[in-house]
Amino acid sequence: MFDHLSRLQVLCLGKNNPSGKIPLGLFKCKELEDISLADNRLEGILPKEIGNLTILRSLYLDNNLFEDYQIWPLLGDRQ
């Protein structure tokens, strides 16, 4: 789904009710700065590939069904 969106900078899908796991192709979008996936039915464990988004400034994942919401270890030393 995201494989052909390498220049994507903002993804705002909050309150759109997608369900399932976050597609790993999303983490190939190296120019992503802002992601909002809050208030949906996303589930599973946050993939370690989220750390590939090195210029990510904001990430909203609240109100989903994730099993493990330990985001800081995945992002490294960035704050």
Protein backbone atom coordinates (compact mmCIF):
# COMPACT_ATOMS: atom_id res chain seq x y z
CA MET A 1 0.00 0.00 0.00
CA PHE A 2 2.77 2.49 0.90
CA ASP A 3 5.53 1.07 -1.31
CA HIS A 4 5.02 3.74 -3.99
CA LEU A 5 4.74 6.68 -1.59
CA SER A 6 8.41 7.16 -0.77
CA ARG A 7 8.02 10.97 -0.57
CA LEU A 8 5.02 10.91 1.78
CA GLN A 9 5.53 13.46 4.58
CA VAL A 10 2.23 13.46 6.49
CA LEU A 11 -0.17 10.60 7.14
CA CYS A 12 -3.38 11.50 8.94
CA LEU A 13 -5.80 8.57 9.27
CA GLY A 14 -7.12 9.21 12.77
CA LYS A 15 -10.76 8.20 13.38
CA ASN A 16 -10.98 6.33 10.07
CA ASN A 17 -11.38 2.88 11.64
CA PRO A 18 -8.66 0.92 9.87
CA SER A 19 -8.02 -2.33 11.70
CA GLY A 20 -5.29 -4.93 11.87
CA LYS A 21 -1.56 -4.35 11.98
CA ILE A 22 0.28 -1.30 10.66
CA PRO A 23 1.60 -2.25 7.20
CA LEU A 24 5.40 -2.57 7.26
CA GLY A 25 5.56 -0.67 3.96
CA LEU A 26 4.69 2.49 5.91
CA PHE A 27 8.14 2.42 7.49
CA LYS A 28 9.80 2.62 4.08
CA CYS A 29 8.47 6.17 3.72
CA LYS A 30 11.70 7.80 4.88
CA GLU A 31 10.35 11.36 4.53
CA LEU A 32 7.48 10.87 6.98
CA GLU A 33 7.44 13.65 9.56
CA ASP A 34 3.95 13.36 11.04
CA ILE A 35 1.78 10.28 11.58
CA SER A 36 -1.68 10.27 13.12
CA LEU A 37 -3.31 6.87 13.44
CA ALA A 38 -5.17 7.59 16.69
CA ASP A 39 -8.70 6.42 17.49
CA ASN A 40 -8.77 3.35 15.26
CA ARG A 41 -8.72 -0.43 15.71
CA LEU A 42 -5.06 -1.08 14.97
CA GLU A 43 -3.59 -4.02 16.87
CA GLY A 44 -0.53 -6.16 17.39
CA ILE A 45 2.92 -5.10 18.51
CA LEU A 46 4.50 -1.91 17.21
CA PRO A 47 7.16 -3.05 14.74
CA LYS A 48 10.81 -2.16 15.34
CA GLU A 49 10.90 -0.74 11.78
CA ILE A 50 9.27 2.40 13.16
CA GLY A 51 12.81 3.37 14.16
CA ASN A 52 13.62 3.73 10.43
CA LEU A 53 11.62 6.97 10.35
CA THR A 54 14.54 9.17 11.34
CA ILE A 55 12.89 12.56 10.72
CA LEU A 56 9.60 11.70 12.45
CA ARG A 57 8.42 14.69 14.54
CA SER A 58 4.99 13.60 15.74
CA LEU A 59 3.37 10.22 16.22
CA TYR A 60 -0.19 9.76 17.48
CA LEU A 61 -1.20 6.16 18.14
CA ASP A 62 -3.49 6.53 21.16
CA ASN A 63 -6.84 4.73 21.46
CA ASN A 64 -5.94 1.63 19.46
CA LEU A 65 -5.60 -2.02 20.47
CA PHE A 66 -1.81 -2.43 20.49
CA GLU A 67 -0.42 -5.19 22.71
CA ASP A 68 2.82 -3.41 23.54
CA TYR A 69 2.98 0.36 23.53
CA GLN A 70 6.70 0.76 24.35
CA ILE A 71 7.51 3.39 21.71
CA TRP A 72 10.66 5.03 23.12
CA PRO A 73 12.88 1.94 22.86
CA LEU A 74 11.88 1.66 19.19
CA LEU A 75 12.74 5.28 18.43
CA GLY A 76 16.11 5.29 20.17
CA ASP A 77 17.47 8.46 21.77
CA ARG A 78 15.21 10.90 19.90
CA GLN A 79 12.79 12.99 21.96
